[in-house]
Amino acid sequence: MNVDFMIERLLLKVGNRSINIRDENHKKRGMTSVQAETMLFFEKHEGASIGQLKDHLQITHQAARNLVERINKKDLLIIKVSQEDARCKNIFLSEKGKALCHELRKEGSFEGERLLKGFSEEEKTLLWNLLERMEKNVE
């Protein structure tokens, strides 16, 4: 038995289940998981640009631009032309967007608690560190 392969399969299984649960929850709000992740990105990086979103999500500039435009139509974002470079736009959350992010974090905390039920704080820290190392391996 190849342990590396089995670990990868288990990670995919857990990840797919988590994504499916997130997708169901976001559909109730008329959003996709990528749109929700975009909202949380702009909450953390207030005034960030579409280029920074592109790098974060690892998508094309055009895809990031379209994503921002779709979310903006829902009145969740405020887009301002950069004072430093008129070609660049800085993106902020509207009040409605901030309220949505609060709901997303609350819901995500619930799912995180469900996922990590029975784990000690020490185990959670260990898992966090291991997952960060895995992420660096695939960058």
N, C-alpha and C. Protein backbone atom coordinates (compact mmCIF):
# COMPACT_ATOMS: atom_id res chain seq x y z
N MET A 1 0.84 -1.18 0.00
CA MET A 1 0.00 0.00 0.00
C MET A 1 0.89 1.25 0.00
N ASN A 2 0.61 2.16 -0.92
CA ASN A 2 1.35 3.41 -1.04
C ASN A 2 0.71 4.46 -0.13
N VAL A 3 1.35 4.77 0.99
CA VAL A 3 0.79 5.68 1.99
C VAL A 3 0.59 7.08 1.41
N ASP A 4 1.53 7.56 0.60
CA ASP A 4 1.40 8.90 0.01
C ASP A 4 0.12 8.99 -0.83
N PHE A 5 -0.13 7.96 -1.62
CA PHE A 5 -1.32 7.92 -2.46
C PHE A 5 -2.59 7.88 -1.61
N MET A 6 -2.59 7.10 -0.55
CA MET A 6 -3.76 6.98 0.31
C MET A 6 -4.05 8.31 1.03
N ILE A 7 -3.00 8.99 1.47
CA ILE A 7 -3.19 10.30 2.12
C ILE A 7 -3.77 11.29 1.13
N GLU A 8 -3.24 11.30 -0.08
CA GLU A 8 -3.76 12.21 -1.10
C GLU A 8 -5.24 11.93 -1.36
N ARG A 9 -5.60 10.68 -1.47
CA ARG A 9 -7.01 10.31 -1.72
C ARG A 9 -7.92 10.76 -0.57
N LEU A 10 -7.45 10.58 0.65
CA LEU A 10 -8.24 10.98 1.81
C LEU A 10 -8.39 12.50 1.87
N LEU A 11 -7.32 13.23 1.55
CA LEU A 11 -7.41 14.70 1.50
C LEU A 11 -8.43 15.14 0.45
N LEU A 12 -8.40 14.49 -0.72
CA LEU A 12 -9.36 14.82 -1.77
C LEU A 12 -10.79 14.53 -1.32
N LYS A 13 -10.99 13.40 -0.65
CA LYS A 13 -12.32 13.03 -0.19
C LYS A 13 -12.86 14.05 0.81
N VAL A 14 -12.05 14.41 1.79
CA VAL A 14 -12.46 15.41 2.79
C VAL A 14 -12.69 16.76 2.12
N GLY A 15 -11.78 17.14 1.23
CA GLY A 15 -11.91 18.41 0.52
C GLY A 15 -13.17 18.47 -0.32
N ASN A 16 -13.46 17.41 -1.04
CA ASN A 16 -14.67 17.39 -1.88
C ASN A 16 -15.94 17.49 -1.05
N ARG A 17 -15.96 16.78 0.08
CA ARG A 17 -17.14 16.87 0.95
C ARG A 17 -17.31 18.29 1.48
N SER A 18 -16.21 18.91 1.88
CA SER A 18 -16.27 20.29 2.39
C SER A 18 -16.74 21.25 1.31
N ILE A 19 -16.24 21.08 0.11
CA ILE A 19 -16.65 21.94 -1.01
C ILE A 19 -18.13 21.77 -1.31
N ASN A 20 -18.61 20.53 -1.29
CA ASN A 20 -20.03 20.29 -1.56
C ASN A 20 -20.93 20.95 -0.52
N ILE A 21 -20.53 20.87 0.75
CA ILE A 21 -21.30 21.52 1.82
C ILE A 21 -21.27 23.03 1.63
N ARG A 22 -20.08 23.58 1.34
CA ARG A 22 -19.97 25.03 1.12
C ARG A 22 -20.82 25.47 -0.06
N ASP A 23 -20.77 24.70 -1.16
CA ASP A 23 -21.55 25.06 -2.34
C ASP A 23 -23.04 25.10 -2.03
N GLU A 24 -23.54 24.11 -1.28
CA GLU A 24 -24.96 24.09 -0.91
C GLU A 24 -25.32 25.33 -0.09
N ASN A 25 -24.47 25.67 0.88
CA ASN A 25 -24.73 26.83 1.72
C ASN A 25 -24.69 28.14 0.94
N HIS A 26 -23.76 28.26 0.01
CA HIS A 26 -23.63 29.50 -0.77
C HIS A 26 -24.77 29.65 -1.78
N LYS A 27 -25.28 28.53 -2.29
CA LYS A 27 -26.40 28.60 -3.24
C LYS A 27 -27.61 29.27 -2.60
N LYS A 28 -27.79 29.07 -1.31
CA LYS A 28 -28.90 29.69 -0.59
C LYS A 28 -28.82 31.21 -0.66
N ARG A 29 -27.61 31.72 -0.81
CA ARG A 29 -27.39 33.17 -0.89
C ARG A 29 -27.25 33.65 -2.33
N GLY A 30 -27.39 32.73 -3.28
CA GLY A 30 -27.24 33.09 -4.69
C GLY A 30 -25.79 33.34 -5.07
N MET A 31 -24.87 32.65 -4.38
CA MET A 31 -23.44 32.84 -4.62
C MET A 31 -22.77 31.51 -4.93
N THR A 32 -21.59 31.60 -5.50
CA THR A 32 -20.74 30.44 -5.67
C THR A 32 -19.66 30.46 -4.58
N SER A 33 -18.98 29.34 -4.42
CA SER A 33 -17.89 29.29 -3.44
C SER A 33 -16.77 30.26 -3.80
N VAL A 34 -16.51 30.42 -5.08
CA VAL A 34 -15.45 31.35 -5.51
C VAL A 34 -15.85 32.78 -5.20
N GLN A 35 -17.12 33.11 -5.36
CA GLN A 35 -17.58 34.45 -5.01
C GLN A 35 -17.45 34.69 -3.51
N ALA A 36 -17.78 33.68 -2.71
CA ALA A 36 -17.64 33.81 -1.26
C ALA A 36 -16.18 33.98 -0.87
N GLU A 37 -15.29 33.21 -1.49
CA GLU A 37 -13.86 33.34 -1.21
C GLU A 37 -13.36 34.72 -1.61
N THR A 38 -13.89 35.26 -2.70
CA THR A 38 -13.53 36.60 -3.16
C THR A 38 -13.95 37.64 -2.12
N MET A 39 -15.14 37.50 -1.59
CA MET A 39 -15.62 38.43 -0.57
C MET A 39 -14.71 38.40 0.66
N LEU A 40 -14.34 37.21 1.09
CA LEU A 40 -13.47 37.08 2.26
C LEU A 40 -12.08 37.64 1.98
N PHE A 41 -11.62 37.52 0.74
CA PHE A 41 -10.33 38.09 0.36
C PHE A 41 -10.36 39.62 0.51
N PHE A 42 -11.43 40.24 -0.02
CA PHE A 42 -11.51 41.70 0.06
C PHE A 42 -11.79 42.19 1.47
N GLU A 43 -12.38 41.34 2.28
CA GLU A 43 -12.55 41.71 3.69
C GLU A 43 -11.18 41.79 4.36
N LYS A 44 -10.34 40.83 4.08
CA LYS A 44 -9.00 40.77 4.69
C LYS A 44 -8.04 41.78 4.05
N HIS A 45 -8.21 42.05 2.75
CA HIS A 45 -7.30 42.92 2.00
C HIS A 45 -8.08 44.11 1.44
N GLU A 46 -8.54 44.94 2.33
CA GLU A 46 -9.34 46.09 1.95
C GLU A 46 -8.59 46.98 0.97
N GLY A 47 -9.24 47.32 -0.14
CA GLY A 47 -8.62 48.19 -1.13
C GLY A 47 -7.70 47.46 -2.10
N ALA A 48 -7.71 46.13 -2.05
CA ALA A 48 -6.87 45.34 -2.97
C ALA A 48 -7.36 45.51 -4.40
N SER A 49 -6.51 45.13 -5.33
CA SER A 49 -6.84 45.26 -6.75
C SER A 49 -7.29 43.92 -7.32
N ILE A 50 -7.80 43.97 -8.54
CA ILE A 50 -8.19 42.76 -9.24
C ILE A 50 -6.95 41.89 -9.48
N GLY A 51 -5.82 42.50 -9.75
CA GLY A 51 -4.58 41.75 -9.94
C GLY A 51 -4.19 40.96 -8.70
N GLN A 52 -4.39 41.57 -7.54
CA GLN A 52 -4.07 40.86 -6.30
C GLN A 52 -5.05 39.70 -6.07
N LEU A 53 -6.31 39.91 -6.42
CA LEU A 53 -7.29 38.83 -6.33
C LEU A 53 -6.90 37.69 -7.28
N LYS A 54 -6.49 38.06 -8.48
CA LYS A 54 -6.06 37.07 -9.48
C LYS A 54 -4.96 36.18 -8.91
N ASP A 55 -3.98 36.80 -8.28
CA ASP A 55 -2.86 36.05 -7.70
C ASP A 55 -3.32 35.16 -6.55
N HIS A 56 -4.22 35.68 -5.74
CA HIS A 56 -4.73 34.91 -4.59
C HIS A 56 -5.50 33.67 -5.04
N LEU A 57 -6.38 33.86 -6.02
CA LEU A 57 -7.21 32.74 -6.48
C LEU A 57 -6.52 31.89 -7.54
N GLN A 58 -5.40 32.38 -8.05
CA GLN A 58 -4.65 31.70 -9.11
C GLN A 58 -5.53 31.48 -10.34
N ILE A 59 -6.13 32.59 -10.80
CA ILE A 59 -6.96 32.58 -12.00
C ILE A 59 -6.46 33.67 -12.93
N THR A 60 -7.03 33.76 -14.12
CA THR A 60 -6.62 34.79 -15.06
C THR A 60 -7.17 36.15 -14.63
N HIS A 61 -6.55 37.20 -15.15
CA HIS A 61 -7.01 38.55 -14.85
C HIS A 61 -8.45 38.75 -15.32
N GLN A 62 -8.76 38.25 -16.50
CA GLN A 62 -10.12 38.38 -17.04
C GLN A 62 -11.14 37.67 -16.15
N ALA A 63 -10.79 36.48 -15.65
CA ALA A 63 -11.71 35.74 -14.77
C ALA A 63 -11.92 36.52 -13.47
N ALA A 64 -10.86 37.10 -12.92
CA ALA A 64 -10.96 37.88 -11.68
C ALA A 64 -11.83 39.11 -11.92
N ARG A 65 -11.64 39.75 -13.05
CA ARG A 65 -12.43 40.95 -13.39
C ARG A 65 -13.91 40.60 -13.50
N ASN A 66 -14.22 39.50 -14.19
CA ASN A 66 -15.61 39.07 -14.34
C ASN A 66 -16.23 38.72 -12.99
N LEU A 67 -15.45 38.09 -12.14
CA LEU A 67 -15.91 37.72 -10.81
C LEU A 67 -16.28 38.97 -10.01
N VAL A 68 -15.41 39.97 -10.04
CA VAL A 68 -15.67 41.23 -9.33
C VAL A 68 -16.91 41.91 -9.91
N GLU A 69 -17.06 41.91 -11.21
CA GLU A 69 -18.22 42.54 -11.84
C GLU A 69 -19.52 41.87 -11.41
N ARG A 70 -19.52 40.53 -11.36
CA ARG A 70 -20.73 39.80 -10.96
C ARG A 70 -21.10 40.10 -9.50
N ILE A 71 -20.10 40.14 -8.65
CA ILE A 71 -20.35 40.41 -7.24
C ILE A 71 -20.80 41.86 -7.05
N ASN A 72 -20.20 42.75 -7.82
CA ASN A 72 -20.55 44.17 -7.73
C ASN A 72 -22.01 44.40 -8.09
N LYS A 73 -22.54 43.62 -9.01
CA LYS A 73 -23.95 43.76 -9.40
C LYS A 73 -24.89 43.43 -8.24
N LYS A 74 -24.38 42.72 -7.24
CA LYS A 74 -25.18 42.37 -6.07
C LYS A 74 -25.04 43.42 -4.96
N ASP A 75 -24.38 44.53 -5.29
CA ASP A 75 -24.16 45.63 -4.34
C ASP A 75 -23.36 45.21 -3.11
N LEU A 76 -22.42 44.30 -3.30
CA LEU A 76 -21.59 43.82 -2.19
C LEU A 76 -20.22 44.48 -2.16
N LEU A 77 -19.86 45.16 -3.24
CA LEU A 77 -18.53 45.77 -3.35
C LEU A 77 -18.65 47.26 -3.69
N ILE A 78 -17.58 47.97 -3.38
CA ILE A 78 -17.41 49.36 -3.81
C ILE A 78 -16.10 49.39 -4.58
N ILE A 79 -16.15 49.87 -5.81
CA ILE A 79 -14.96 49.91 -6.66
C ILE A 79 -14.57 51.37 -6.87
N LYS A 80 -13.32 51.66 -6.54
CA LYS A 80 -12.81 53.03 -6.69
C LYS A 80 -11.57 53.02 -7.57
N VAL A 81 -11.44 54.05 -8.39
CA VAL A 81 -10.24 54.20 -9.21
C VAL A 81 -9.09 54.58 -8.29
N SER A 82 -7.96 53.93 -8.47
CA SER A 82 -6.79 54.19 -7.64
C SER A 82 -6.30 55.62 -7.86
N GLN A 83 -5.92 56.26 -6.78
CA GLN A 83 -5.37 57.61 -6.86
C GLN A 83 -3.94 57.58 -7.39
N GLU A 84 -3.28 56.44 -7.28
CA GLU A 84 -1.89 56.30 -7.72
C GLU A 84 -1.78 55.92 -9.19
N ASP A 85 -2.77 55.14 -9.68
CA ASP A 85 -2.73 54.67 -11.07
C ASP A 85 -4.18 54.55 -11.55
N ALA A 86 -4.58 55.42 -12.44
CA ALA A 86 -5.96 55.47 -12.91
C ALA A 86 -6.39 54.18 -13.62
N ARG A 87 -5.45 53.37 -14.06
CA ARG A 87 -5.79 52.10 -14.71
C ARG A 87 -6.19 51.03 -13.70
N CYS A 88 -5.83 51.25 -12.47
CA CYS A 88 -6.05 50.27 -11.40
C CYS A 88 -7.28 50.67 -10.58
N LYS A 89 -8.02 49.66 -10.14
CA LYS A 89 -9.18 49.90 -9.30
C LYS A 89 -8.97 49.23 -7.95
N ASN A 90 -9.31 49.94 -6.89
CA ASN A 90 -9.25 49.39 -5.54
C ASN A 90 -10.65 48.96 -5.14
N ILE A 91 -10.73 47.81 -4.50
CA ILE A 91 -12.03 47.22 -4.20
C ILE A 91 -12.22 47.11 -2.69
N PHE A 92 -13.40 47.55 -2.26
CA PHE A 92 -13.78 47.54 -0.85
C PHE A 92 -15.13 46.86 -0.72
N LEU A 93 -15.43 46.38 0.48
CA LEU A 93 -16.74 45.81 0.74
C LEU A 93 -17.73 46.92 1.06
N SER A 94 -18.95 46.78 0.55
CA SER A 94 -20.03 47.69 0.95
C SER A 94 -20.51 47.22 2.33
N GLU A 95 -21.40 47.97 2.93
CA GLU A 95 -21.96 47.55 4.23
C GLU A 95 -22.66 46.20 4.08
N LYS A 96 -23.36 46.03 2.98
CA LYS A 96 -24.04 44.75 2.70
C LYS A 96 -23.00 43.63 2.56
N GLY A 97 -21.88 43.93 1.93
CA GLY A 97 -20.81 42.96 1.77
C GLY A 97 -20.16 42.59 3.10
N LYS A 98 -19.99 43.58 3.97
CA LYS A 98 -19.42 43.31 5.30
C LYS A 98 -20.34 42.40 6.11
N ALA A 99 -21.63 42.65 6.04
CA ALA A 99 -22.60 41.82 6.76
C ALA A 99 -22.57 40.38 6.23
N LEU A 100 -22.44 40.24 4.91
CA LEU A 100 -22.37 38.91 4.32
C LEU A 100 -21.11 38.17 4.79
N CYS A 101 -19.99 38.86 4.83
CA CYS A 101 -18.74 38.24 5.29
C CYS A 101 -18.86 37.76 6.73
N HIS A 102 -19.55 38.52 7.55
CA HIS A 102 -19.79 38.10 8.93
C HIS A 102 -20.54 36.77 8.95
N GLU A 103 -21.57 36.66 8.11
CA GLU A 103 -22.34 35.41 8.01
C GLU A 103 -21.46 34.27 7.49
N LEU A 104 -20.62 34.56 6.50
CA LEU A 104 -19.75 33.52 5.93
C LEU A 104 -18.76 32.99 6.97
N ARG A 105 -18.18 33.89 7.76
CA ARG A 105 -17.24 33.46 8.80
C ARG A 105 -17.95 32.63 9.86
N LYS A 106 -19.13 33.06 10.23
CA LYS A 106 -19.90 32.34 11.25
C LYS A 106 -20.23 30.92 10.74
N GLU A 107 -20.69 30.84 9.52
CA GLU A 107 -21.02 29.56 8.93
C GLU A 107 -19.78 28.69 8.77
N GLY A 108 -18.69 29.30 8.35
CA GLY A 108 -17.42 28.57 8.18
C GLY A 108 -16.89 28.06 9.51
N SER A 109 -17.09 28.84 10.56
CA SER A 109 -16.65 28.40 11.89
C SER A 109 -17.43 27.16 12.31
N PHE A 110 -18.73 27.15 12.01
CA PHE A 110 -19.56 26.00 12.34
C PHE A 110 -19.06 24.76 11.60
N GLU A 111 -18.79 24.91 10.31
CA GLU A 111 -18.30 23.76 9.51
C GLU A 111 -16.92 23.32 9.98
N GLY A 112 -16.07 24.28 10.34
CA GLY A 112 -14.75 23.95 10.86
C GLY A 112 -14.84 23.17 12.16
N GLU A 113 -15.76 23.58 13.02
CA GLU A 113 -15.96 22.87 14.29
C GLU A 113 -16.44 21.44 14.03
N ARG A 114 -17.34 21.30 13.07
CA ARG A 114 -17.85 19.97 12.73
C ARG A 114 -16.74 19.09 12.19
N LEU A 115 -15.93 19.66 11.34
CA LEU A 115 -14.84 18.93 10.71
C LEU A 115 -13.78 18.50 11.72
N LEU A 116 -13.53 19.34 12.71
CA LEU A 116 -12.45 19.08 13.68
C LEU A 116 -12.97 18.60 15.03
N LYS A 117 -14.21 18.14 15.06
CA LYS A 117 -14.80 17.63 16.29
C LYS A 117 -13.94 16.50 16.86
N GLY A 118 -13.64 16.61 18.16
CA GLY A 118 -12.85 15.58 18.81
C GLY A 118 -11.34 15.81 18.75
N PHE A 119 -10.90 16.85 18.03
CA PHE A 119 -9.48 17.17 17.95
C PHE A 119 -9.10 18.05 19.14
N SER A 120 -7.97 17.80 19.73
CA SER A 120 -7.46 18.68 20.78
C SER A 120 -6.86 19.93 20.11
N GLU A 121 -6.63 20.97 20.90
CA GLU A 121 -6.00 22.19 20.36
C GLU A 121 -4.61 21.86 19.81
N GLU A 122 -3.91 20.97 20.48
CA GLU A 122 -2.57 20.56 20.04
C GLU A 122 -2.65 19.85 18.68
N GLU A 123 -3.65 18.99 18.51
CA GLU A 123 -3.82 18.29 17.23
C GLU A 123 -4.20 19.26 16.12
N LYS A 124 -5.03 20.24 16.44
CA LYS A 124 -5.42 21.25 15.44
C LYS A 124 -4.20 22.04 14.99
N THR A 125 -3.35 22.41 15.94
CA THR A 125 -2.13 23.16 15.61
C THR A 125 -1.20 22.32 14.75
N LEU A 126 -1.05 21.06 15.10
CA LEU A 126 -0.21 20.16 14.32
C LEU A 126 -0.75 20.01 12.90
N LEU A 127 -2.07 19.80 12.79
CA LEU A 127 -2.69 19.66 11.47
C LEU A 127 -2.49 20.93 10.65
N TRP A 128 -2.69 22.09 11.27
CA TRP A 128 -2.49 23.37 10.59
C TRP A 128 -1.07 23.46 10.02
N ASN A 129 -0.08 23.14 10.84
CA ASN A 129 1.32 23.21 10.41
C ASN A 129 1.61 22.24 9.27
N LEU A 130 1.06 21.05 9.36
CA LEU A 130 1.27 20.05 8.30
C LEU A 130 0.61 20.49 6.99
N LEU A 131 -0.59 21.02 7.08
CA LEU A 131 -1.29 21.48 5.88
C LEU A 131 -0.57 22.67 5.24
N GLU A 132 -0.03 23.56 6.07
CA GLU A 132 0.76 24.68 5.52
C GLU A 132 1.98 24.17 4.76
N ARG A 133 2.63 23.15 5.30
CA ARG A 133 3.79 22.57 4.61
C ARG A 133 3.36 21.93 3.29
N MET A 134 2.22 21.25 3.30
CA MET A 134 1.71 20.66 2.06
C MET A 134 1.44 21.74 1.02
N GLU A 135 0.83 22.83 1.48
CA GLU A 135 0.50 23.93 0.55
C GLU A 135 1.77 24.47 -0.09
N LYS A 136 2.83 24.63 0.68
CA LYS A 136 4.09 25.13 0.13
C LYS A 136 4.67 24.16 -0.89
N ASN A 137 4.45 22.86 -0.69
CA ASN A 137 4.96 21.86 -1.62
C ASN A 137 4.29 21.95 -2.99
N VAL A 138 3.07 22.46 -3.03
CA VAL A 138 2.36 22.52 -4.31
C VAL A 138 2.34 23.90 -4.93
N GLU A 139 2.98 24.88 -4.30
CA GLU A 139 3.04 26.23 -4.87
C GLU A 139 3.97 26.28 -6.05
